[in-house]
C-alpha atoms as a PDB file:
ATOM      1  CA  MET A   1      -1.928   6.314  23.565  1.00  0.00           C
ATOM      2  CA  SER A   2      -3.673   8.780  21.235  1.00  0.00           C
ATOM      3  CA  LYS A   3      -7.461   8.861  21.147  1.00  0.00           C
ATOM      4  CA  CYS A   4      -9.238   7.992  17.884  1.00  0.00           C
ATOM      5  CA  GLU A   5     -11.406  11.131  17.996  1.00  0.00           C
ATOM      6  CA  GLN A   6      -8.229  13.280  18.066  1.00  0.00           C
ATOM      7  CA  CYS A   7      -6.337  11.289  15.414  1.00  0.00           C
ATOM      8  CA  ILE A   8      -5.846  13.128  12.129  1.00  0.00           C
ATOM      9  CA  VAL A   9      -5.313  10.013   9.985  1.00  0.00           C
ATOM     10  CA  ARG A  10      -8.896   8.825  10.498  1.00  0.00           C
ATOM     11  CA  GLN A  11      -9.955  11.662   8.176  1.00  0.00           C
ATOM     12  CA  PHE A  12      -8.424   9.728   5.267  1.00  0.00           C
ATOM     13  CA  SER A  13     -10.313   6.449   5.755  1.00  0.00           C
ATOM     14  CA  SER A  14     -13.784   5.015   6.316  1.00  0.00           C
ATOM     15  CA  LEU A  15     -13.395   5.898  10.009  1.00  0.00           C
ATOM     16  CA  LYS A  16     -14.067   9.588   9.273  1.00  0.00           C
ATOM     17  CA  VAL A  17     -17.851   9.023   9.346  1.00  0.00           C
ATOM     18  CA  LEU A  18     -17.932   7.394  12.784  1.00  0.00           C
ATOM     19  CA  THR A  19     -19.679   9.395  15.519  1.00  0.00           C
ATOM     20  CA  LYS A  20     -17.792  10.763  18.529  1.00  0.00           C
ATOM     21  CA  ASP A  21     -19.274   8.037  20.738  1.00  0.00           C
ATOM     22  CA  GLU A  22     -18.191   5.371  18.258  1.00  0.00           C
ATOM     23  CA  LEU A  23     -14.673   6.819  18.125  1.00  0.00           C
ATOM     24  CA  ILE A  24     -14.458   6.833  21.920  1.00  0.00           C
ATOM     25  CA  LYS A  25     -15.624   3.206  21.915  1.00  0.00           C
ATOM     26  CA  MET A  26     -12.947   2.414  19.336  1.00  0.00           C
ATOM     27  CA  SER A  27     -10.266   4.101  21.449  1.00  0.00           C
ATOM     28  CA  ASP A  28     -11.194   1.912  24.386  1.00  0.00           C
ATOM     29  CA  CYS A  29     -10.824  -1.341  22.429  1.00  0.00           C
ATOM     30  CA  LYS A  30      -7.962  -0.631  20.008  1.00  0.00           C
ATOM     31  CA  THR A  31      -4.365  -1.785  20.408  1.00  0.00           C
ATOM     32  CA  SER A  32      -1.446   0.262  19.088  1.00  0.00           C
ATOM     33  CA  TYR A  33       1.699  -1.325  17.651  1.00  0.00           C
ATOM     34  CA  THR A  34       5.095  -0.251  16.356  1.00  0.00           C
ATOM     35  CA  ILE A  35       6.089  -2.313  13.318  1.00  0.00           C
ATOM     36  CA  LYS A  36       9.764  -2.194  12.339  1.00  0.00           C
ATOM     37  CA  LYS A  37      10.891  -2.034   8.700  1.00  0.00           C
ATOM     38  CA  GLY A  38      10.810  -5.535   7.216  1.00  0.00           C
ATOM     39  CA  GLU A  39       8.419  -6.950   9.814  1.00  0.00           C
ATOM     40  CA  SER A  40       5.054  -8.470   8.895  1.00  0.00           C
ATOM     41  CA  ILE A  41       1.738  -7.000   9.994  1.00  0.00           C
ATOM     42  CA  PHE A  42       0.060 -10.204   8.834  1.00  0.00           C
ATOM     43  CA  ASP A  43       0.873 -13.070   6.488  1.00  0.00           C
ATOM     44  CA  GLU A  44      -1.124 -14.524   3.611  1.00  0.00           C
ATOM     45  CA  GLY A  45      -3.671 -16.991   5.013  1.00  0.00           C
ATOM     46  CA  ASP A  46      -3.775 -15.451   8.511  1.00  0.00           C
ATOM     47  CA  ILE A  47      -7.017 -14.904  10.404  1.00  0.00           C
ATOM     48  CA  THR A  48      -6.757 -11.252  11.437  1.00  0.00           C
ATOM     49  CA  ASN A  49      -9.949 -10.915  13.533  1.00  0.00           C
ATOM     50  CA  GLY A  50      -9.967  -7.179  12.957  1.00  0.00           C
ATOM     51  CA  ILE A  51      -8.682  -4.294  10.863  1.00  0.00           C
ATOM     52  CA  TYR A  52      -5.495  -2.242  11.046  1.00  0.00           C
ATOM     53  CA  CYS A  53      -5.450   1.530  10.724  1.00  0.00           C
ATOM     54  CA  ILE A  54      -2.082   2.838   9.525  1.00  0.00           C
ATOM     55  CA  LYS A  55      -1.131   5.847  11.601  1.00  0.00           C
ATOM     56  CA  GLU A  56       2.392   6.237  10.222  1.00  0.00           C
ATOM     57  CA  GLY A  57       4.522   4.561   7.577  1.00  0.00           C
ATOM     58  CA  VAL A  58       4.092   2.504   4.402  1.00  0.00           C
ATOM     59  CA  CYS A  59       3.676  -1.222   3.844  1.00  0.00           C
ATOM     60  CA  LYS A  60       3.493  -3.497   0.837  1.00  0.00           C
ATOM     61  CA  LEU A  61       0.638  -5.897   0.170  1.00  0.00           C
ATOM     62  CA  SER A  62       1.969  -8.881  -1.714  1.00  0.00           C
ATOM     63  CA  LYS A  63       1.171 -12.435  -2.740  1.00  0.00           C
ATOM     64  CA  LEU A  64       3.589 -15.341  -3.042  1.00  0.00           C
ATOM     65  CA  SER A  65       3.366 -16.902  -6.505  1.00  0.00           C
ATOM     66  CA  SER A  66       3.739 -20.606  -7.259  1.00  0.00           C
ATOM     67  CA  ASN A  67       7.364 -20.063  -8.336  1.00  0.00           C
ATOM     68  CA  GLY A  68       8.218 -18.510  -4.956  1.00  0.00           C
ATOM     69  CA  LYS A  69       8.354 -14.889  -6.119  1.00  0.00           C
ATOM     70  CA  ASP A  70       6.782 -12.092  -4.107  1.00  0.00           C
ATOM     71  CA  GLN A  71       4.275 -10.169  -6.262  1.00  0.00           C
ATOM     72  CA  ILE A  72       3.519  -6.706  -4.873  1.00  0.00           C
ATOM     73  CA  VAL A  73      -0.158  -5.936  -5.374  1.00  0.00           C
ATOM     74  CA  LYS A  74      -0.385  -2.557  -3.669  1.00  0.00           C
ATOM     75  CA  LEU A  75       1.456  -0.108  -1.430  1.00  0.00           C
ATOM     76  CA  VAL A  76      -0.548   1.190   1.525  1.00  0.00           C
ATOM     77  CA  LYS A  77       0.206   4.452   3.327  1.00  0.00           C
ATOM     78  CA  SER A  78      -0.773   6.435   6.402  1.00  0.00           C
ATOM     79  CA  GLY A  79      -4.525   6.922   6.822  1.00  0.00           C
ATOM     80  CA  GLU A  80      -5.533   3.704   5.058  1.00  0.00           C
ATOM     81  CA  LEU A  81      -7.048   0.533   6.493  1.00  0.00           C
ATOM     82  CA  LEU A  82      -5.847  -3.056   6.195  1.00  0.00           C
ATOM     83  CA  GLY A  83      -7.870  -6.240   6.493  1.00  0.00           C
ATOM     84  CA  GLN A  84     -11.354  -4.814   5.926  1.00  0.00           C
ATOM     85  CA  ARG A  85     -12.109  -7.241   3.077  1.00  0.00           C
ATOM     86  CA  SER A  86     -11.199 -10.274   5.204  1.00  0.00           C
ATOM     87  CA  VAL A  87     -13.386  -9.053   8.069  1.00  0.00           C
ATOM     88  CA  ILE A  88     -16.420  -8.611   5.827  1.00  0.00           C
ATOM     89  CA  SER A  89     -15.934 -11.823   3.820  1.00  0.00           C
ATOM     90  CA  ASP A  90     -15.022 -13.758   7.002  1.00  0.00           C
ATOM     91  CA  GLU A  91     -12.069 -15.335   5.203  1.00  0.00           C
ATOM     92  CA  PRO A  92      -8.321 -15.591   5.836  1.00  0.00           C
ATOM     93  CA  THR A  93      -6.183 -12.810   4.376  1.00  0.00           C
ATOM     94  CA  ASN A  94      -5.417 -13.178   0.677  1.00  0.00           C
ATOM     95  CA  LEU A  95      -2.232 -11.089   0.870  1.00  0.00           C
ATOM     96  CA  SER A  96       0.729 -10.454   3.167  1.00  0.00           C
ATOM     97  CA  ALA A  97       1.442  -7.007   4.634  1.00  0.00           C
ATOM     98  CA  VAL A  98       5.101  -6.115   5.314  1.00  0.00           C
ATOM     99  CA  ALA A  99       6.460  -2.753   6.519  1.00  0.00           C
ATOM    100  CA  LEU A 100       8.658  -0.860   4.028  1.00  0.00           C
ATOM    101  CA  GLU A 101       9.642   1.573   6.782  1.00  0.00           C
ATOM    102  CA  ASP A 102       8.991   1.836  10.521  1.00  0.00           C
ATOM    103  CA  MET A 103       5.244   2.032  11.109  1.00  0.00           C
ATOM    104  CA  GLU A 104       2.685   2.912  13.766  1.00  0.00           C
ATOM    105  CA  VAL A 105      -0.554   0.942  13.398  1.00  0.00           C
ATOM    106  CA  CYS A 106      -3.716   0.519  15.456  1.00  0.00           C
ATOM    107  CA  PHE A 107      -5.676  -2.745  15.578  1.00  0.00           C
ATOM    108  CA  ILE A 108      -9.477  -2.612  15.933  1.00  0.00           C
ATOM    109  CA  PRO A 109     -11.199  -5.929  16.820  1.00  0.00           C
ATOM    110  CA  LYS A 110     -13.618  -7.531  14.377  1.00  0.00           C
ATOM    111  CA  THR A 111     -16.547  -7.424  16.822  1.00  0.00           C
ATOM    112  CA  GLU A 112     -16.332  -3.640  17.037  1.00  0.00           C
ATOM    113  CA  VAL A 113     -15.878  -3.192  13.278  1.00  0.00           C
ATOM    114  CA  LEU A 114     -18.947  -5.315  12.511  1.00  0.00           C
ATOM    115  CA  GLN A 115     -20.957  -3.378  15.090  1.00  0.00           C
ATOM    116  CA  PHE A 116     -20.033  -0.096  13.383  1.00  0.00           C
ATOM    117  CA  PHE A 117     -20.909  -1.743  10.061  1.00  0.00           C
ATOM    118  CA  THR A 118     -24.382  -2.624  11.386  1.00  0.00           C
ATOM    119  CA  ASP A 119     -25.114   0.623  13.201  1.00  0.00           C
ATOM    120  CA  ASN A 120     -23.602   3.233  10.890  1.00  0.00           C
ATOM    121  CA  ASN A 121     -24.777   3.161   7.264  1.00  0.00           C
ATOM    122  CA  ASN A 122     -22.250   5.799   6.192  1.00  0.00           C
ATOM    123  CA  PHE A 123     -19.403   3.689   7.578  1.00  0.00           C
ATOM    124  CA  SER A 124     -20.574   0.536   5.787  1.00  0.00           C
ATOM    125  CA  MET A 125     -21.003   2.500   2.539  1.00  0.00           C
ATOM    126  CA  ASN A 126     -17.493   3.979   2.823  1.00  0.00           C
ATOM    127  CA  VAL A 127     -15.961   0.560   3.461  1.00  0.00           C
ATOM    128  CA  MET A 128     -17.728  -0.844   0.393  1.00  0.00           C
ATOM    129  CA  LYS A 129     -16.555   2.132  -1.708  1.00  0.00           C
ATOM    130  CA  ASN A 130     -12.960   1.464  -0.628  1.00  0.00           C
ATOM    131  CA  ILE A 131     -13.242  -2.202  -1.548  1.00  0.00           C
ATOM    132  CA  CYS A 132     -14.745  -1.242  -4.915  1.00  0.00           C
ATOM    133  CA  GLY A 133     -11.814   1.155  -5.399  1.00  0.00           C
ATOM    134  CA  ASP A 134      -9.397  -1.713  -4.747  1.00  0.00           C
ATOM    135  CA  LEU A 135     -11.215  -3.826  -7.330  1.00  0.00           C
ATOM    136  CA  LYS A 136     -10.989  -1.005  -9.889  1.00  0.00           C
ATOM    137  CA  GLU A 137      -7.237  -0.700  -9.233  1.00  0.00           C
ATOM    138  CA  ALA A 138      -6.897  -4.447  -9.691  1.00  0.00           C
ATOM    139  CA  ASP A 139      -8.800  -4.256 -13.017  1.00  0.00           C
ATOM    140  CA  ASP A 140      -6.559  -1.417 -14.229  1.00  0.00           C
ATOM    141  CA  HIS A 141      -3.450  -3.314 -13.163  1.00  0.00           C
ATOM    142  CA  ILE A 142      -4.542  -6.416 -15.090  1.00  0.00           C
ATOM    143  CA  VAL A 143      -5.067  -4.327 -18.232  1.00  0.00           C
ATOM    144  CA  ASP A 144      -1.682  -2.612 -17.796  1.00  0.00           C
ATOM    145  CA  MET A 145       0.064  -5.957 -17.355  1.00  0.00           C
ATOM    146  CA  ALA A 146      -1.544  -7.223 -20.555  1.00  0.00           C
ATOM    147  CA  GLN A 147      -1.206  -4.142 -22.761  1.00  0.00           C
ATOM    148  CA  LYS A 148       1.828  -2.166 -21.560  1.00  0.00           C
ATOM    149  CA  SER A 149       5.424  -3.195 -22.140  1.00  0.00           C
ATOM    150  CA  VAL A 150       7.741  -3.858 -19.200  1.00  0.00           C
ATOM    151  CA  LYS A 151       9.487  -0.533 -19.893  1.00  0.00           C
ATOM    152  CA  GLU A 152       6.158   1.331 -19.811  1.00  0.00           C
ATOM    153  CA  ARG A 153       5.126  -0.417 -16.587  1.00  0.00           C
ATOM    154  CA  LEU A 154       8.410   0.505 -14.896  1.00  0.00           C
ATOM    155  CA  ALA A 155       8.027   4.150 -15.960  1.00  0.00           C
ATOM    156  CA  VAL A 156       4.451   4.205 -14.589  1.00  0.00           C
ATOM    157  CA  THR A 157       5.615   2.701 -11.291  1.00  0.00           C
ATOM    158  CA  LEU A 158       8.458   5.190 -10.806  1.00  0.00           C
ATOM    159  CA  ILE A 159       6.085   8.109 -11.460  1.00  0.00           C
ATOM    160  CA  TYR A 160       3.578   6.605  -8.995  1.00  0.00           C
ATOM    161  CA  LEU A 161       6.244   6.200  -6.285  1.00  0.00           C
ATOM    162  CA  GLU A 162       7.326   9.839  -6.551  1.00  0.00           C
ATOM    163  CA  LYS A 163       3.801  11.266  -6.827  1.00  0.00           C
ATOM    164  CA  THR A 164       2.393   9.205  -3.942  1.00  0.00           C
ATOM    165  CA  PHE A 165       5.259   9.074  -1.460  1.00  0.00           C
ATOM    166  CA  GLY A 166       7.476  12.006  -2.437  1.00  0.00           C
ATOM    167  CA  THR A 167      11.253  12.367  -2.368  1.00  0.00           C
ATOM    168  CA  ASP A 168      14.023  12.699   0.199  1.00  0.00           C
ATOM    169  CA  ASN A 169      16.428  15.652   0.571  1.00  0.00           C
ATOM    170  CA  ASP A 170      18.725  14.316  -2.169  1.00  0.00           C
ATOM    171  CA  GLY A 171      15.785  14.166  -4.610  1.00  0.00           C
ATOM    172  CA  SER A 172      15.656  10.367  -4.626  1.00  0.00           C
ATOM    173  CA  LEU A 173      12.405   8.466  -4.147  1.00  0.00           C
ATOM    174  CA  HIS A 174      11.346   8.322  -0.492  1.00  0.00           C
ATOM    175  CA  ILE A 175      10.062   4.761  -0.807  1.00  0.00           C
ATOM    176  CA  GLN A 176      12.929   2.747  -2.215  1.00  0.00           C
ATOM    177  CA  LEU A 177      11.922  -0.707  -3.359  1.00  0.00           C
ATOM    178  CA  SER A 178      14.621  -3.290  -3.970  1.00  0.00           C
ATOM    179  CA  ARG A 179      15.243  -4.277  -7.580  1.00  0.00           C
ATOM    180  CA  GLU A 180      13.487  -7.558  -6.827  1.00  0.00           C
ATOM    181  CA  GLU A 181      10.470  -5.764  -5.343  1.00  0.00           C
ATOM    182  CA  LEU A 182      10.276  -3.397  -8.328  1.00  0.00           C
ATOM    183  CA  ALA A 183      10.440  -6.371 -10.690  1.00  0.00           C
ATOM    184  CA  GLY A 184       7.662  -8.104  -8.758  1.00  0.00           C
ATOM    185  CA  MET A 185       5.510  -4.985  -8.888  1.00  0.00           C
ATOM    186  CA  ILE A 186       5.728  -4.718 -12.687  1.00  0.00           C
ATOM    187  CA  GLY A 187       5.658  -8.466 -13.347  1.00  0.00           C
ATOM    188  CA  THR A 188       9.081  -9.128 -14.821  1.00  0.00           C
ATOM    189  CA  ALA A 189      12.368 -10.822 -13.978  1.00  0.00           C
ATOM    190  CA  THR A 190      14.777  -8.953 -11.691  1.00  0.00           C
ATOM    191  CA  GLU A 191      17.423  -8.989 -14.438  1.00  0.00           C
ATOM    192  CA  SER A 192      15.039  -7.241 -16.863  1.00  0.00           C
ATOM    193  CA  CYS A 193      14.200  -4.585 -14.281  1.00  0.00           C
ATOM    194  CA  ILE A 194      17.907  -3.904 -13.641  1.00  0.00           C
ATOM    195  CA  ARG A 195      18.593  -3.680 -17.378  1.00  0.00           C
ATOM    196  CA  ILE A 196      15.795  -1.155 -17.999  1.00  0.00           C
ATOM    197  CA  LEU A 197      16.819   0.947 -14.984  1.00  0.00           C
ATOM    198  CA  SER A 198      20.368   1.067 -16.427  1.00  0.00           C
ATOM    199  CA  GLU A 199      18.908   2.118 -19.787  1.00  0.00           C
ATOM    200  CA  PHE A 200      16.838   4.896 -18.137  1.00  0.00           C
ATOM    201  CA  ASN A 201      19.971   6.010 -16.278  1.00  0.00           C
ATOM    202  CA  LYS A 202      22.082   6.040 -19.449  1.00  0.00           C
ATOM    203  CA  ASN A 203      19.435   8.109 -21.269  1.00  0.00           C
ATOM    204  CA  GLY A 204      19.292  10.701 -18.466  1.00  0.00           C
ATOM    205  CA  VAL A 205      15.725   9.869 -17.415  1.00  0.00           C
ATOM    206  CA  ILE A 206      16.720   8.768 -13.916  1.00  0.00           C
ATOM    207  CA  GLU A 207      19.873   8.830 -11.835  1.00  0.00           C
ATOM    208  CA  LEU A 208      20.981   5.776  -9.870  1.00  0.00           C
ATOM    209  CA  LEU A 209      22.481   6.795  -6.529  1.00  0.00           C
ATOM    210  CA  GLY A 210      23.739   3.401  -5.367  1.00  0.00           C
ATOM    211  CA  LYS A 211      20.542   1.481  -4.667  1.00  0.00           C
ATOM    212  CA  ARG A 212      18.461   4.659  -4.637  1.00  0.00           C
ATOM    213  CA  ILE A 213      16.603   6.076  -7.640  1.00  0.00           C
ATOM    214  CA  LYS A 214      16.168   9.742  -8.535  1.00  0.00           C
ATOM    215  CA  ILE A 215      13.864  10.888 -11.344  1.00  0.00           C
ATOM    216  CA  VAL A 216      15.756  13.471 -13.426  1.00  0.00           C
ATOM    217  CA  ASP A 217      13.502  14.031 -16.461  1.00  0.00           C
ATOM    218  CA  LYS A 218       9.829  13.684 -15.516  1.00  0.00           C
ATOM    219  CA  ILE A 219       8.580  14.688 -18.973  1.00  0.00           C
ATOM    220  CA  LYS A 220      10.628  12.025 -20.742  1.00  0.00           C
ATOM    221  CA  LEU A 221       9.636   9.445 -18.117  1.00  0.00           C
ATOM    222  CA  SER A 222       5.939  10.333 -18.597  1.00  0.00           C
ATOM    223  CA  ARG A 223       6.322   9.804 -22.340  1.00  0.00           C
ATOM    224  CA  LEU A 224       7.887   6.402 -21.696  1.00  0.00           C
ATOM    225  CA  ALA A 225       4.875   5.517 -19.522  1.00  0.00           C
ATOM    226  CA  GLU A 226       2.350   6.157 -22.298  1.00  0.00           C
END
């Protein structure tokens, strides 16, 4: 089991401001898990009793709508934390977290997190900044959903997936969402998402490699996103 003070991913989250003693304390109380692709880290409405630090992999945060569709709210990658809002608000989770690829995560109990929150002002400030960042993203997403067309939203999402998570050896997006997941992320029907992807493919903006997507013309795709 790796020690928190030697873990590189903590540099990308609120944990970076914890003291060496606090990190050693965290190492002693954390639990490490391997989450397989498709498995849940937690479900909407769960009581987590702690936070998860993502050491490796990517997961989707999503909410089940009244019509039974899974709406992806955010993708979370290595170095980020999950569940911090629920710990602070003392409420059940508002979203589900499901692995999009095999993941390594560490669980830190709520009692320890709240102790760090009380004792370390820099940690509490960083956590609040992260939550405020999530709120800003949510505000921007609401505006995009209201003002951008479905085609524009799909273009924005494809650019985001490549920029954030990179590509594989064949040039296709590393994180490959299903057509249904893509549709849920941009707030449209699966059929509409498939139709627009076919249109992008026909116009030489992307290339469809089976179920995988490769961005061919980034400039044209950026124009479509505006």
